[in-house]
């Protein structure tokens, strides 16, 4: 039997989505549904665990083209919580974590 996980969005992730065009949001949301609905803890080429840093925003990163989705999975209640969403071209590394450039800044602490 295939388990279907519930996908929830944090307030930060909902704010992040507002900065994208409708087309970009559809790409991101389709990628989230197709990659995280079933087997959200399976490591793939576009999905990896971030269990390295204690102050990170999420345990998992999903790559959807240039977009990055940071999420936590609670297997006990079968829920995936999307914590933050960003895109690769705007992500810069700093000593404080990762921040998006321009009008919209996304700080994702502890990512390397």
C-alpha atoms as a PDB file:
ATOM      1  CA  UNK A   1       0.000   0.000   0.000  1.00  0.00           C
ATOM      2  CA  UNK A   2       1.330   3.444  -0.948  1.00  0.00           C
ATOM      3  CA  UNK A   3       1.164   6.052   1.810  1.00  0.00           C
ATOM      4  CA  UNK A   4       0.073   9.539   0.795  1.00  0.00           C
ATOM      5  CA  UNK A   5       1.613  12.267   2.952  1.00  0.00           C
ATOM      6  CA  UNK A   6      -0.172  15.516   3.771  1.00  0.00           C
ATOM      7  CA  UNK A   7       1.759  18.573   2.600  1.00  0.00           C
ATOM      8  CA  UNK A   8       1.603  21.723   4.717  1.00  0.00           C
ATOM      9  CA  UNK A   9       3.234  25.129   4.215  1.00  0.00           C
ATOM     10  CA  UNK A  10       4.761  27.251   6.968  1.00  0.00           C
ATOM     11  CA  UNK A  11       4.004  30.975   7.017  1.00  0.00           C
ATOM     12  CA  UNK A  12       7.524  31.595   5.689  1.00  0.00           C
ATOM     13  CA  UNK A  13       7.008  29.248   2.741  1.00  0.00           C
ATOM     14  CA  UNK A  14       3.665  30.872   1.900  1.00  0.00           C
ATOM     15  CA  UNK A  15       5.381  34.283   1.905  1.00  0.00           C
ATOM     16  CA  UNK A  16       8.159  32.923  -0.315  1.00  0.00           C
ATOM     17  CA  UNK A  17       5.634  31.658  -2.887  1.00  0.00           C
ATOM     18  CA  UNK A  18       4.063  35.121  -3.214  1.00  0.00           C
ATOM     19  CA  UNK A  19       7.245  36.434  -4.835  1.00  0.00           C
ATOM     20  CA  UNK A  20       7.012  34.077  -7.801  1.00  0.00           C
ATOM     21  CA  UNK A  21       4.931  34.441 -10.942  1.00  0.00           C
ATOM     22  CA  UNK A  22       1.937  32.139 -11.441  1.00  0.00           C
ATOM     23  CA  UNK A  23       3.979  30.028 -13.874  1.00  0.00           C
ATOM     24  CA  UNK A  24       6.849  29.670 -11.392  1.00  0.00           C
ATOM     25  CA  UNK A  25       4.449  28.836  -8.541  1.00  0.00           C
ATOM     26  CA  UNK A  26       2.868  26.105 -10.670  1.00  0.00           C
ATOM     27  CA  UNK A  27       6.298  24.601 -11.399  1.00  0.00           C
ATOM     28  CA  UNK A  28       7.200  24.651  -7.707  1.00  0.00           C
ATOM     29  CA  UNK A  29       3.852  23.287  -6.501  1.00  0.00           C
ATOM     30  CA  UNK A  30       3.787  20.539  -9.148  1.00  0.00           C
ATOM     31  CA  UNK A  31       7.333  19.548  -8.138  1.00  0.00           C
ATOM     32  CA  UNK A  32       6.379  19.452  -4.475  1.00  0.00           C
ATOM     33  CA  UNK A  33       3.343  17.259  -5.152  1.00  0.00           C
ATOM     34  CA  UNK A  34       5.149  14.852  -7.453  1.00  0.00           C
ATOM     35  CA  UNK A  35       8.234  14.484  -5.236  1.00  0.00           C
ATOM     36  CA  UNK A  36       6.921  14.729  -1.694  1.00  0.00           C
ATOM     37  CA  UNK A  37       3.426  13.177  -1.714  1.00  0.00           C
ATOM     38  CA  UNK A  38       4.838   9.619  -1.595  1.00  0.00           C
ATOM     39  CA  UNK A  39       8.203   8.547  -0.117  1.00  0.00           C
ATOM     40  CA  UNK A  40       9.300  12.036   1.043  1.00  0.00           C
ATOM     41  CA  UNK A  41      12.355  10.640   2.847  1.00  0.00           C
ATOM     42  CA  UNK A  42      13.767   8.806  -0.162  1.00  0.00           C
ATOM     43  CA  UNK A  43      17.120  10.240  -1.283  1.00  0.00           C
ATOM     44  CA  UNK A  44      17.274  10.905  -5.049  1.00  0.00           C
ATOM     45  CA  UNK A  45      19.347  13.040  -7.406  1.00  0.00           C
ATOM     46  CA  UNK A  46      17.088  16.007  -6.605  1.00  0.00           C
ATOM     47  CA  UNK A  47      16.383  15.229  -2.965  1.00  0.00           C
ATOM     48  CA  UNK A  48      18.881  15.133  -0.138  1.00  0.00           C
ATOM     49  CA  UNK A  49      19.018  15.182   3.639  1.00  0.00           C
ATOM     50  CA  UNK A  50      20.434  18.212   5.474  1.00  0.00           C
ATOM     51  CA  UNK A  51      21.135  16.697   8.867  1.00  0.00           C
ATOM     52  CA  UNK A  52      24.527  18.380   9.246  1.00  0.00           C
ATOM     53  CA  UNK A  53      23.837  21.598  11.147  1.00  0.00           C
ATOM     54  CA  UNK A  54      21.876  22.071  14.392  1.00  0.00           C
ATOM     55  CA  UNK A  55      20.491  25.514  13.414  1.00  0.00           C
ATOM     56  CA  UNK A  56      19.217  24.656   9.944  1.00  0.00           C
ATOM     57  CA  UNK A  57      15.734  25.586   8.813  1.00  0.00           C
ATOM     58  CA  UNK A  58      14.862  22.085   7.529  1.00  0.00           C
ATOM     59  CA  UNK A  59      16.096  18.510   7.393  1.00  0.00           C
ATOM     60  CA  UNK A  60      15.550  18.076   3.636  1.00  0.00           C
ATOM     61  CA  UNK A  61      16.215  19.935   0.386  1.00  0.00           C
ATOM     62  CA  UNK A  62      14.307  19.298  -2.835  1.00  0.00           C
ATOM     63  CA  UNK A  63      15.678  20.676  -6.103  1.00  0.00           C
ATOM     64  CA  UNK A  64      13.094  21.537  -8.747  1.00  0.00           C
ATOM     65  CA  UNK A  65      15.156  22.959 -11.597  1.00  0.00           C
ATOM     66  CA  UNK A  66      16.506  26.264 -10.267  1.00  0.00           C
ATOM     67  CA  UNK A  67      14.126  26.227  -7.292  1.00  0.00           C
ATOM     68  CA  UNK A  68      14.946  24.891  -3.817  1.00  0.00           C
ATOM     69  CA  UNK A  69      12.342  23.639  -1.357  1.00  0.00           C
ATOM     70  CA  UNK A  70      13.372  23.097   2.273  1.00  0.00           C
ATOM     71  CA  UNK A  71      11.121  20.793   4.273  1.00  0.00           C
ATOM     72  CA  UNK A  72      10.735  18.615   7.345  1.00  0.00           C
ATOM     73  CA  UNK A  73       9.032  15.229   7.371  1.00  0.00           C
ATOM     74  CA  UNK A  74       7.096  13.795  10.310  1.00  0.00           C
ATOM     75  CA  UNK A  75       6.750  10.126   9.434  1.00  0.00           C
ATOM     76  CA  UNK A  76       4.724   9.353  12.561  1.00  0.00           C
ATOM     77  CA  UNK A  77       1.771  11.452  11.371  1.00  0.00           C
ATOM     78  CA  UNK A  78       2.630  11.328   7.634  1.00  0.00           C
ATOM     79  CA  UNK A  79       3.063  15.088   7.181  1.00  0.00           C
ATOM     80  CA  UNK A  80       5.586  17.068   5.112  1.00  0.00           C
ATOM     81  CA  UNK A  81       6.003  20.692   6.225  1.00  0.00           C
ATOM     82  CA  UNK A  82       7.467  23.016   3.605  1.00  0.00           C
ATOM     83  CA  UNK A  83       9.560  25.489   5.621  1.00  0.00           C
ATOM     84  CA  UNK A  84      11.102  27.765   2.974  1.00  0.00           C
ATOM     85  CA  UNK A  85      11.304  28.113  -0.827  1.00  0.00           C
ATOM     86  CA  UNK A  86      14.050  29.830  -2.809  1.00  0.00           C
ATOM     87  CA  UNK A  87      15.784  29.738  -6.160  1.00  0.00           C
ATOM     88  CA  UNK A  88      19.403  28.957  -6.962  1.00  0.00           C
ATOM     89  CA  UNK A  89      20.377  32.064  -9.003  1.00  0.00           C
ATOM     90  CA  UNK A  90      19.377  34.419  -6.171  1.00  0.00           C
ATOM     91  CA  UNK A  91      20.919  32.405  -3.367  1.00  0.00           C
ATOM     92  CA  UNK A  92      24.201  33.735  -2.037  1.00  0.00           C
ATOM     93  CA  UNK A  93      26.300  32.247   0.726  1.00  0.00           C
ATOM     94  CA  UNK A  94      27.204  34.253   3.791  1.00  0.00           C
ATOM     95  CA  UNK A  95      28.647  33.504   7.191  1.00  0.00           C
ATOM     96  CA  UNK A  96      25.081  33.655   8.547  1.00  0.00           C
ATOM     97  CA  UNK A  97      23.599  31.077   6.133  1.00  0.00           C
ATOM     98  CA  UNK A  98      22.049  31.539   2.713  1.00  0.00           C
ATOM     99  CA  UNK A  99      20.192  34.670   1.655  1.00  0.00           C
ATOM    100  CA  UNK A 100      18.273  35.625  -1.475  1.00  0.00           C
ATOM    101  CA  UNK A 101      19.283  38.824  -3.246  1.00  0.00           C
ATOM    102  CA  UNK A 102      17.002  41.609  -4.419  1.00  0.00           C
ATOM    103  CA  UNK A 103      13.689  42.725  -2.910  1.00  0.00           C
ATOM    104  CA  UNK A 104      12.977  39.324  -1.432  1.00  0.00           C
ATOM    105  CA  UNK A 105      15.392  37.849   1.044  1.00  0.00           C
ATOM    106  CA  UNK A 106      15.193  34.264   2.205  1.00  0.00           C
ATOM    107  CA  UNK A 107      17.545  33.342   5.016  1.00  0.00           C
ATOM    108  CA  UNK A 108      18.191  29.646   5.356  1.00  0.00           C
ATOM    109  CA  UNK A 109      20.591  29.143   8.248  1.00  0.00           C
ATOM    110  CA  UNK A 110      23.048  26.318   8.450  1.00  0.00           C
ATOM    111  CA  UNK A 111      23.143  25.305   4.790  1.00  0.00           C
ATOM    112  CA  UNK A 112      26.505  24.648   3.226  1.00  0.00           C
END
